[in-house]
Amino acid sequence: MLKPSGPGAASVPSLRNPSARKTWTACWRLPCAPLSANNRQPWHFVVIRDREMLRRVAEVHPYAKMAAGAAAAVIICADLNEEKTPASGSRTVRRPRRISCWRRVPLNIGTVWCGLHPVEDRARPFREIFHMPESVRPLSLIVLGHTDQEFKAVERFRAERVHNEDW
């Protein structure tokens, strides 16, 4: 098992290659379902399966070292030209990211989310390596693969953080 470093780091499962192409298709249909402001759908996904590109991802992101041995990775991006209001694309694109992570559990695919935006030193290499237009902002990276470990839900609900009607 790989261990990331940094604040709040948790154990990261080792990931290996899922074989069925329909599994990949299923992974990316649901994240496109959420509503977006004025139905602008500002999201773009860069799917990375090439071994050399996965190695490059592992080299440029300090917390994505597991990408070198993973089956694939996906960069979730927002197209700023599709924003109706400033920063709406960034907010809207968070929905596909969250859904994409949740969707994998029934498919037995492990995921590791790694942030890119707003840390420019993390986002810039991805824009350069993957030849993204200036209007596209890489927001996050999700590293994927089958895991040998059984998924165990972790309860993170904290009742003291829920305020009804008033603080």
Foldseek 3Di string as FASTA:
>chain_A
DDWFDDPPTDDAFQFAADDDPVLVVQLQPVLQPDAAVVNLSFKDKDKAQDLVVLCVLLVQARGSVSSNHHRIKIFIKGQQVSDPDPPSRVVSSVSSVVVSQVSCQVVQKHKDKAFQPPPPSRFVVVCVVVVPDPRMTGGIMITMHHGPDRDDDDDPDDVVVDDPPHD
